[in-house]
Amino acid sequence: MAATTIGLLTWKYKGLQEEHEELQTKHEGLQSMAAGLVVQLAESTAENESLKSENAYLKSATGASKTLKSYDC
């Protein structure tokens, strides 16, 4: 009876250990994905700020004047 119990507990422990390893791998993958998303967000934010700045310049008198002069023939 004790040997059967020990065998069952060992089998259950191995199963839990494998499940733990799978979850650990998934967790690491999710962390990697999250890090990539943070980088993409930072890049998008920087690009957005750059475009806002360019837009503000083009709306300014100097920017508008230079833009219009570039279309003169």
N, C-alpha and C. Protein backbone atom coordinates (compact mmCIF):
# COMPACT_ATOMS: atom_id res chain seq x y z
N MET A 1 0.83 -1.19 0.00
CA MET A 1 0.00 0.00 0.00
C MET A 1 0.87 1.26 0.00
N ALA A 2 1.90 1.28 0.82
CA ALA A 2 2.80 2.44 0.90
C ALA A 2 3.52 2.64 -0.42
N ALA A 3 3.94 1.53 -1.05
CA ALA A 3 4.65 1.63 -2.33
C ALA A 3 3.73 2.21 -3.41
N THR A 4 2.47 1.81 -3.40
CA THR A 4 1.50 2.33 -4.35
C THR A 4 1.29 3.82 -4.14
N THR A 5 1.18 4.22 -2.88
CA THR A 5 1.00 5.64 -2.55
C THR A 5 2.21 6.45 -2.99
N ILE A 6 3.41 5.91 -2.72
CA ILE A 6 4.63 6.62 -3.11
C ILE A 6 4.71 6.72 -4.63
N GLY A 7 4.36 5.66 -5.33
CA GLY A 7 4.37 5.67 -6.79
C GLY A 7 3.39 6.68 -7.34
N LEU A 8 2.20 6.73 -6.76
CA LEU A 8 1.17 7.68 -7.20
C LEU A 8 1.62 9.12 -6.95
N LEU A 9 2.19 9.37 -5.79
CA LEU A 9 2.66 10.72 -5.46
C LEU A 9 3.82 11.12 -6.37
N THR A 10 4.71 10.18 -6.68
CA THR A 10 5.83 10.47 -7.58
C THR A 10 5.31 10.82 -8.97
N TRP A 11 4.35 10.04 -9.46
CA TRP A 11 3.75 10.28 -10.77
C TRP A 11 3.09 11.67 -10.81
N LYS A 12 2.34 11.97 -9.74
CA LYS A 12 1.65 13.27 -9.64
C LYS A 12 2.67 14.41 -9.58
N TYR A 13 3.75 14.23 -8.83
CA TYR A 13 4.79 15.24 -8.71
C TYR A 13 5.43 15.52 -10.07
N LYS A 14 5.73 14.46 -10.84
CA LYS A 14 6.32 14.62 -12.16
C LYS A 14 5.38 15.40 -13.08
N GLY A 15 4.11 15.07 -13.01
CA GLY A 15 3.11 15.78 -13.81
C GLY A 15 3.05 17.25 -13.46
N LEU A 16 3.08 17.56 -12.18
CA LEU A 16 3.04 18.95 -11.74
C LEU A 16 4.32 19.68 -12.14
N GLN A 17 5.43 18.96 -12.11
CA GLN A 17 6.70 19.55 -12.49
C GLN A 17 6.69 19.91 -13.98
N GLU A 18 6.17 19.03 -14.82
CA GLU A 18 6.07 19.30 -16.25
C GLU A 18 5.13 20.48 -16.52
N GLU A 19 4.03 20.52 -15.80
CA GLU A 19 3.08 21.62 -15.96
C GLU A 19 3.73 22.94 -15.56
N HIS A 20 4.50 22.91 -14.49
CA HIS A 20 5.20 24.10 -14.02
C HIS A 20 6.19 24.59 -15.09
N GLU A 21 6.92 23.67 -15.71
CA GLU A 21 7.87 24.04 -16.75
C GLU A 21 7.16 24.66 -17.95
N GLU A 22 6.03 24.10 -18.33
CA GLU A 22 5.25 24.66 -19.45
C GLU A 22 4.79 26.08 -19.13
N LEU A 23 4.28 26.26 -17.91
CA LEU A 23 3.81 27.59 -17.52
C LEU A 23 4.97 28.58 -17.45
N GLN A 24 6.12 28.12 -17.01
CA GLN A 24 7.31 28.97 -16.95
C GLN A 24 7.70 29.43 -18.35
N THR A 25 7.66 28.52 -19.31
CA THR A 25 7.99 28.84 -20.70
C THR A 25 6.99 29.85 -21.26
N LYS A 26 5.70 29.63 -21.00
CA LYS A 26 4.68 30.58 -21.46
C LYS A 26 4.88 31.95 -20.84
N HIS A 27 5.21 31.96 -19.56
CA HIS A 27 5.44 33.21 -18.83
C HIS A 27 6.60 33.98 -19.46
N GLU A 28 7.68 33.28 -19.76
CA GLU A 28 8.84 33.93 -20.37
C GLU A 28 8.48 34.48 -21.75
N GLY A 29 7.68 33.72 -22.50
CA GLY A 29 7.24 34.20 -23.81
C GLY A 29 6.38 35.45 -23.70
N LEU A 30 5.49 35.47 -22.71
CA LEU A 30 4.64 36.65 -22.51
C LEU A 30 5.46 37.86 -22.08
N GLN A 31 6.47 37.62 -21.25
CA GLN A 31 7.34 38.72 -20.83
C GLN A 31 8.07 39.30 -22.04
N SER A 32 8.54 38.44 -22.91
CA SER A 32 9.24 38.88 -24.11
C SER A 32 8.30 39.68 -25.02
N MET A 33 7.08 39.18 -25.18
CA MET A 33 6.10 39.90 -26.00
C MET A 33 5.79 41.26 -25.40
N ALA A 34 5.62 41.31 -24.08
CA ALA A 34 5.31 42.57 -23.41
C ALA A 34 6.46 43.57 -23.60
N ALA A 35 7.69 43.09 -23.50
CA ALA A 35 8.84 43.97 -23.69
C ALA A 35 8.84 44.53 -25.12
N GLY A 36 8.52 43.68 -26.09
CA GLY A 36 8.45 44.13 -27.48
C GLY A 36 7.37 45.17 -27.67
N LEU A 37 6.24 44.98 -27.03
CA LEU A 37 5.14 45.94 -27.14
C LEU A 37 5.51 47.28 -26.51
N VAL A 38 6.25 47.25 -25.42
CA VAL A 38 6.68 48.49 -24.77
C VAL A 38 7.61 49.26 -25.70
N VAL A 39 8.50 48.54 -26.37
CA VAL A 39 9.42 49.18 -27.32
C VAL A 39 8.62 49.79 -28.47
N GLN A 40 7.66 49.04 -29.01
CA GLN A 40 6.84 49.56 -30.11
C GLN A 40 6.06 50.79 -29.68
N LEU A 41 5.53 50.76 -28.46
CA LEU A 41 4.78 51.91 -27.94
C LEU A 41 5.68 53.13 -27.82
N ALA A 42 6.89 52.94 -27.32
CA ALA A 42 7.83 54.05 -27.19
C ALA A 42 8.18 54.63 -28.57
N GLU A 43 8.41 53.74 -29.54
CA GLU A 43 8.72 54.21 -30.90
C GLU A 43 7.55 54.96 -31.51
N SER A 44 6.35 54.44 -31.32
CA SER A 44 5.16 55.10 -31.86
C SER A 44 4.93 56.45 -31.21
N THR A 45 5.17 56.53 -29.93
CA THR A 45 5.01 57.78 -29.20
C THR A 45 6.01 58.81 -29.70
N ALA A 46 7.25 58.38 -29.91
CA ALA A 46 8.28 59.31 -30.41
C ALA A 46 7.92 59.78 -31.82
N GLU A 47 7.47 58.86 -32.66
CA GLU A 47 7.08 59.23 -34.03
C GLU A 47 5.89 60.19 -34.00
N ASN A 48 4.93 59.93 -33.12
CA ASN A 48 3.76 60.79 -33.00
C ASN A 48 4.17 62.20 -32.58
N GLU A 49 5.08 62.29 -31.63
CA GLU A 49 5.54 63.61 -31.18
C GLU A 49 6.26 64.34 -32.31
N SER A 50 7.05 63.59 -33.07
CA SER A 50 7.75 64.19 -34.21
C SER A 50 6.76 64.73 -35.24
N LEU A 51 5.73 63.94 -35.52
CA LEU A 51 4.71 64.38 -36.49
C LEU A 51 3.93 65.58 -35.97
N LYS A 52 3.65 65.61 -34.67
CA LYS A 52 2.96 66.77 -34.09
C LYS A 52 3.80 68.03 -34.25
N SER A 53 5.11 67.86 -34.01
CA SER A 53 6.01 69.00 -34.12
C SER A 53 6.09 69.49 -35.56
N GLU A 54 6.20 68.55 -36.50
CA GLU A 54 6.24 68.92 -37.92
C GLU A 54 4.94 69.60 -38.33
N ASN A 55 3.81 69.08 -37.86
CA ASN A 55 2.52 69.66 -38.18
C ASN A 55 2.42 71.09 -37.64
N ALA A 56 2.88 71.29 -36.42
CA ALA A 56 2.84 72.64 -35.84
C ALA A 56 3.71 73.60 -36.65
N TYR A 57 4.87 73.12 -37.10
CA TYR A 57 5.75 73.96 -37.91
C TYR A 57 5.07 74.32 -39.23
N LEU A 58 4.48 73.32 -39.88
CA LEU A 58 3.84 73.59 -41.17
C LEU A 58 2.66 74.54 -41.03
N LYS A 59 2.02 74.56 -39.89
CA LYS A 59 0.91 75.48 -39.65
C LYS A 59 1.40 76.89 -39.31
N SER A 60 2.66 76.99 -38.89
CA SER A 60 3.20 78.30 -38.52
C SER A 60 3.40 79.14 -39.78
N ALA A 61 3.55 80.44 -39.58
CA ALA A 61 3.75 81.35 -40.72
C ALA A 61 5.00 80.97 -41.50
N THR A 62 6.07 80.69 -40.82
CA THR A 62 7.33 80.34 -41.50
C THR A 62 7.18 79.04 -42.28
N GLY A 63 6.62 78.02 -41.65
CA GLY A 63 6.44 76.73 -42.31
C GLY A 63 5.50 76.82 -43.49
N ALA A 64 4.42 77.54 -43.31
CA ALA A 64 3.44 77.68 -44.40
C ALA A 64 4.07 78.44 -45.56
N SER A 65 4.81 79.49 -45.26
CA SER A 65 5.46 80.28 -46.30
C SER A 65 6.44 79.42 -47.10
N LYS A 66 7.28 78.66 -46.40
CA LYS A 66 8.27 77.81 -47.09
C LYS A 66 7.56 76.73 -47.92
N THR A 67 6.48 76.20 -47.41
CA THR A 67 5.75 75.18 -48.14
C THR A 67 5.14 75.76 -49.41
N LEU A 68 4.52 76.93 -49.28
CA LEU A 68 3.90 77.55 -50.45
C LEU A 68 4.96 77.95 -51.48
N LYS A 69 6.10 78.46 -51.01
CA LYS A 69 7.17 78.86 -51.93
C LYS A 69 7.72 77.65 -52.68
N SER A 70 7.68 76.48 -52.07
CA SER A 70 8.22 75.29 -52.74
C SER A 70 7.34 74.88 -53.91
N TYR A 71 6.09 75.36 -53.95
CA TYR A 71 5.18 75.03 -55.05
C TYR A 71 5.21 76.07 -56.15
N ASP A 72 5.92 77.19 -55.93
CA ASP A 72 6.02 78.24 -56.95
C ASP A 72 6.78 77.70 -58.15
N CYS A 73 6.34 78.10 -59.31
CA CYS A 73 7.02 77.66 -60.53
C CYS A 73 8.05 78.64 -60.97
